[in-house]
Amino acid sequence: MAMSYDFGPNGNPVIRLLDEKGQARTVLSAGVLTVIGEKAGASATLLADSLQFDATGPSSVTARLSGEKEGGELWLMGNGGNVFLRSNPPVIELSDDAGFLADLGRTILTVTGTGETRQRSAASLVFSSKDGKVLWSAP
């Protein structure tokens, strides 16, 4: 067992449980619990408001599940793109590393020129460019 003072500019006390080789297997910090798998880079982290799974390597991927009073969110982040699902308002968002987006669900759009915002219905589909401009939408 080892204790250090790190994580961020202000620091937090951290307790690390080490295996026989000195590798951290469990890390406990203020509001954070991380369990690290046998394979390097595989971990599960319990944060104050979410649960995150990480697997690094050639196909690095992160999955984060968070819950709030208003609804939950699921993020799948990996090499090449992301998938984001939210329950309130209901929306599914796909994005690639170039910044292009596809939103299915209750998306909020800003009208160019007026700055007015409009919320689309759950039956809407919106494709956006990397600079945030709408390329296509329906209905």
C-alpha atoms as a PDB file:
ATOM      1  CA  MET A   1       0.000   0.000   0.000  1.00  0.00           C
ATOM      2  CA  ALA A   2       1.328   3.455  -0.850  1.00  0.00           C
ATOM      3  CA  MET A   3      -0.019   6.973  -0.334  1.00  0.00           C
ATOM      4  CA  SER A   4       0.871   9.989  -2.440  1.00  0.00           C
ATOM      5  CA  TYR A   5      -0.412  13.508  -2.975  1.00  0.00           C
ATOM      6  CA  ASP A   6      -1.211  14.226  -6.645  1.00  0.00           C
ATOM      7  CA  PHE A   7      -4.001  14.524  -9.307  1.00  0.00           C
ATOM      8  CA  GLY A   8      -4.382  18.096 -10.455  1.00  0.00           C
ATOM      9  CA  PRO A   9      -2.905  21.472  -9.556  1.00  0.00           C
ATOM     10  CA  ASN A  10      -4.220  21.437  -5.968  1.00  0.00           C
ATOM     11  CA  GLY A  11      -3.595  17.755  -5.397  1.00  0.00           C
ATOM     12  CA  ASN A  12      -5.596  15.133  -3.531  1.00  0.00           C
ATOM     13  CA  PRO A  13      -4.482  12.432  -1.144  1.00  0.00           C
ATOM     14  CA  VAL A  14      -4.288   9.149  -3.050  1.00  0.00           C
ATOM     15  CA  ILE A  15      -4.014   5.597  -1.707  1.00  0.00           C
ATOM     16  CA  ARG A  16      -2.621   3.005  -4.130  1.00  0.00           C
ATOM     17  CA  LEU A  17      -2.803  -0.734  -3.553  1.00  0.00           C
ATOM     18  CA  LEU A  18       0.115  -2.366  -5.371  1.00  0.00           C
ATOM     19  CA  ASP A  19       0.641  -5.913  -6.609  1.00  0.00           C
ATOM     20  CA  GLU A  20       3.781  -7.970  -5.963  1.00  0.00           C
ATOM     21  CA  LYS A  21       5.537  -6.192  -8.875  1.00  0.00           C
ATOM     22  CA  GLY A  22       4.776  -2.727  -7.525  1.00  0.00           C
ATOM     23  CA  GLN A  23       2.079  -2.008 -10.112  1.00  0.00           C
ATOM     24  CA  ALA A  24      -1.041  -0.139  -8.909  1.00  0.00           C
ATOM     25  CA  ARG A  25      -4.141  -2.359  -8.999  1.00  0.00           C
ATOM     26  CA  THR A  26      -6.554  -0.211  -6.990  1.00  0.00           C
ATOM     27  CA  VAL A  27      -6.383   3.563  -6.554  1.00  0.00           C
ATOM     28  CA  LEU A  28      -8.557   5.415  -4.035  1.00  0.00           C
ATOM     29  CA  SER A  29      -8.759   9.212  -4.073  1.00  0.00           C
ATOM     30  CA  ALA A  30     -11.261  11.880  -3.063  1.00  0.00           C
ATOM     31  CA  GLY A  31     -14.416  10.867  -4.961  1.00  0.00           C
ATOM     32  CA  VAL A  32     -12.572   8.425  -7.236  1.00  0.00           C
ATOM     33  CA  LEU A  33     -12.047   4.650  -7.107  1.00  0.00           C
ATOM     34  CA  THR A  34     -10.054   2.984  -9.905  1.00  0.00           C
ATOM     35  CA  VAL A  35      -9.555  -0.759 -10.314  1.00  0.00           C
ATOM     36  CA  ILE A  36      -6.840  -1.643 -12.842  1.00  0.00           C
ATOM     37  CA  GLY A  37      -6.942  -4.947 -14.717  1.00  0.00           C
ATOM     38  CA  GLU A  38      -4.201  -7.466 -15.264  1.00  0.00           C
ATOM     39  CA  LYS A  39      -3.564  -6.179 -18.799  1.00  0.00           C
ATOM     40  CA  ALA A  40      -1.882  -2.779 -18.965  1.00  0.00           C
ATOM     41  CA  GLY A  41      -4.340   0.029 -19.556  1.00  0.00           C
ATOM     42  CA  ALA A  42      -7.554  -1.830 -18.674  1.00  0.00           C
ATOM     43  CA  SER A  43      -9.354  -0.113 -15.811  1.00  0.00           C
ATOM     44  CA  ALA A  44     -12.725   0.698 -14.270  1.00  0.00           C
ATOM     45  CA  THR A  45     -13.134   4.030 -12.460  1.00  0.00           C
ATOM     46  CA  LEU A  46     -16.003   5.035 -10.182  1.00  0.00           C
ATOM     47  CA  LEU A  47     -16.212   8.833 -10.185  1.00  0.00           C
ATOM     48  CA  ALA A  48     -18.542  11.050  -8.162  1.00  0.00           C
ATOM     49  CA  ASP A  49     -21.284  10.902 -10.823  1.00  0.00           C
ATOM     50  CA  SER A  50     -20.214   8.263 -13.352  1.00  0.00           C
ATOM     51  CA  LEU A  51     -18.625   4.894 -14.016  1.00  0.00           C
ATOM     52  CA  GLN A  52     -15.862   4.743 -16.633  1.00  0.00           C
ATOM     53  CA  PHE A  53     -14.188   1.773 -18.325  1.00  0.00           C
ATOM     54  CA  ASP A  54     -10.915   2.221 -20.211  1.00  0.00           C
ATOM     55  CA  ALA A  55      -8.948  -0.116 -22.456  1.00  0.00           C
ATOM     56  CA  THR A  56      -5.804   1.343 -24.003  1.00  0.00           C
ATOM     57  CA  GLY A  57      -3.675  -0.110 -26.745  1.00  0.00           C
ATOM     58  CA  PRO A  58      -4.103  -0.297 -30.526  1.00  0.00           C
ATOM     59  CA  SER A  59      -7.905  -0.060 -30.218  1.00  0.00           C
ATOM     60  CA  SER A  60      -8.116   2.375 -27.313  1.00  0.00           C
ATOM     61  CA  VAL A  61     -11.698   2.772 -26.118  1.00  0.00           C
ATOM     62  CA  THR A  62     -13.462   4.417 -23.191  1.00  0.00           C
ATOM     63  CA  ALA A  63     -17.042   3.871 -22.048  1.00  0.00           C
ATOM     64  CA  ARG A  64     -18.581   6.255 -19.509  1.00  0.00           C
ATOM     65  CA  LEU A  65     -22.010   5.855 -17.911  1.00  0.00           C
ATOM     66  CA  SER A  66     -23.346   8.719 -15.848  1.00  0.00           C
ATOM     67  CA  GLY A  67     -26.640   9.358 -14.166  1.00  0.00           C
ATOM     68  CA  GLU A  68     -28.269  12.550 -13.044  1.00  0.00           C
ATOM     69  CA  LYS A  69     -31.710  13.505 -11.734  1.00  0.00           C
ATOM     70  CA  GLU A  70     -32.671  14.676 -15.226  1.00  0.00           C
ATOM     71  CA  GLY A  71     -31.499  11.481 -16.969  1.00  0.00           C
ATOM     72  CA  GLY A  72     -28.515   9.365 -17.849  1.00  0.00           C
ATOM     73  CA  GLU A  73     -25.756   9.504 -20.435  1.00  0.00           C
ATOM     74  CA  LEU A  74     -23.592   6.899 -22.122  1.00  0.00           C
ATOM     75  CA  TRP A  75     -20.369   7.824 -23.929  1.00  0.00           C
ATOM     76  CA  LEU A  76     -18.385   5.425 -26.115  1.00  0.00           C
ATOM     77  CA  MET A  77     -15.106   7.061 -27.138  1.00  0.00           C
ATOM     78  CA  GLY A  78     -12.519   5.386 -29.321  1.00  0.00           C
ATOM     79  CA  ASN A  79     -10.070   5.729 -32.155  1.00  0.00           C
ATOM     80  CA  GLY A  80     -11.920   7.308 -35.057  1.00  0.00           C
ATOM     81  CA  GLY A  81     -15.077   8.557 -33.385  1.00  0.00           C
ATOM     82  CA  ASN A  82     -17.534   8.770 -30.521  1.00  0.00           C
ATOM     83  CA  VAL A  83     -21.086   7.692 -29.755  1.00  0.00           C
ATOM     84  CA  PHE A  84     -23.104   9.676 -27.199  1.00  0.00           C
ATOM     85  CA  LEU A  85     -26.555   8.691 -25.905  1.00  0.00           C
ATOM     86  CA  ARG A  86     -28.616  10.853 -23.539  1.00  0.00           C
ATOM     87  CA  SER A  87     -32.034  10.078 -22.089  1.00  0.00           C
ATOM     88  CA  ASN A  88     -33.237  13.617 -21.312  1.00  0.00           C
ATOM     89  CA  PRO A  89     -33.625  15.136 -23.806  1.00  0.00           C
ATOM     90  CA  PRO A  90     -33.427  11.933 -25.853  1.00  0.00           C
ATOM     91  CA  VAL A  91     -30.595  12.151 -28.378  1.00  0.00           C
ATOM     92  CA  ILE A  92     -28.015   9.931 -30.067  1.00  0.00           C
ATOM     93  CA  GLU A  93     -24.922  11.700 -31.384  1.00  0.00           C
ATOM     94  CA  LEU A  94     -22.237  10.204 -33.634  1.00  0.00           C
ATOM     95  CA  SER A  95     -19.000  12.086 -34.260  1.00  0.00           C
ATOM     96  CA  ASP A  96     -15.751  11.336 -36.030  1.00  0.00           C
ATOM     97  CA  ASP A  97     -12.218  12.547 -35.363  1.00  0.00           C
ATOM     98  CA  ALA A  98     -12.637  15.187 -38.092  1.00  0.00           C
ATOM     99  CA  GLY A  99     -15.455  16.809 -36.058  1.00  0.00           C
ATOM    100  CA  PHE A 100     -18.452  15.911 -38.242  1.00  0.00           C
ATOM    101  CA  LEU A 101     -21.674  15.121 -36.330  1.00  0.00           C
ATOM    102  CA  ALA A 102     -24.912  13.221 -36.859  1.00  0.00           C
ATOM    103  CA  ASP A 103     -27.631  13.850 -34.259  1.00  0.00           C
ATOM    104  CA  LEU A 104     -30.818  11.812 -33.976  1.00  0.00           C
ATOM    105  CA  GLY A 105     -33.307  13.153 -31.454  1.00  0.00           C
ATOM    106  CA  ARG A 106     -34.144  16.357 -29.630  1.00  0.00           C
ATOM    107  CA  THR A 107     -31.331  18.546 -30.878  1.00  0.00           C
ATOM    108  CA  ILE A 108     -31.112  22.269 -30.134  1.00  0.00           C
ATOM    109  CA  LEU A 109     -30.148  24.291 -33.218  1.00  0.00           C
ATOM    110  CA  THR A 110     -29.161  27.960 -33.422  1.00  0.00           C
ATOM    111  CA  VAL A 111     -30.541  29.927 -36.374  1.00  0.00           C
ATOM    112  CA  THR A 112     -27.722  31.608 -38.314  1.00  0.00           C
ATOM    113  CA  GLY A 113     -28.081  35.390 -38.337  1.00  0.00           C
ATOM    114  CA  THR A 114     -30.705  35.753 -35.592  1.00  0.00           C
ATOM    115  CA  GLY A 115     -29.060  33.605 -32.926  1.00  0.00           C
ATOM    116  CA  GLU A 116     -32.485  32.179 -32.043  1.00  0.00           C
ATOM    117  CA  THR A 117     -32.417  28.615 -30.695  1.00  0.00           C
ATOM    118  CA  ARG A 118     -34.950  25.945 -31.640  1.00  0.00           C
ATOM    119  CA  GLN A 119     -35.362  22.514 -30.162  1.00  0.00           C
ATOM    120  CA  ARG A 120     -36.028  19.781 -32.714  1.00  0.00           C
ATOM    121  CA  SER A 121     -38.346  16.845 -32.014  1.00  0.00           C
ATOM    122  CA  ALA A 122     -37.151  13.336 -31.119  1.00  0.00           C
ATOM    123  CA  ALA A 123     -37.878  12.382 -34.745  1.00  0.00           C
ATOM    124  CA  SER A 124     -35.281  14.786 -36.198  1.00  0.00           C
ATOM    125  CA  LEU A 125     -31.978  13.982 -37.848  1.00  0.00           C
ATOM    126  CA  VAL A 126     -29.261  16.629 -38.228  1.00  0.00           C
ATOM    127  CA  PHE A 127     -25.870  16.343 -39.982  1.00  0.00           C
ATOM    128  CA  SER A 128     -23.303  19.032 -39.080  1.00  0.00           C
ATOM    129  CA  SER A 129     -19.868  19.938 -40.419  1.00  0.00           C
ATOM    130  CA  LYS A 130     -16.780  20.247 -38.265  1.00  0.00           C
ATOM    131  CA  ASP A 131     -17.366  24.011 -37.942  1.00  0.00           C
ATOM    132  CA  GLY A 132     -20.882  23.406 -36.546  1.00  0.00           C
ATOM    133  CA  LYS A 133     -22.828  24.389 -39.680  1.00  0.00           C
ATOM    134  CA  VAL A 134     -25.854  22.242 -40.517  1.00  0.00           C
ATOM    135  CA  LEU A 135     -25.225  20.273 -43.719  1.00  0.00           C
ATOM    136  CA  TRP A 136     -28.632  18.569 -43.815  1.00  0.00           C
ATOM    137  CA  SER A 137     -31.598  18.072 -41.494  1.00  0.00           C
ATOM    138  CA  ALA A 138     -35.022  16.451 -41.471  1.00  0.00           C
ATOM    139  CA  PRO A 139     -37.783  17.236 -40.778  1.00  0.00           C
END
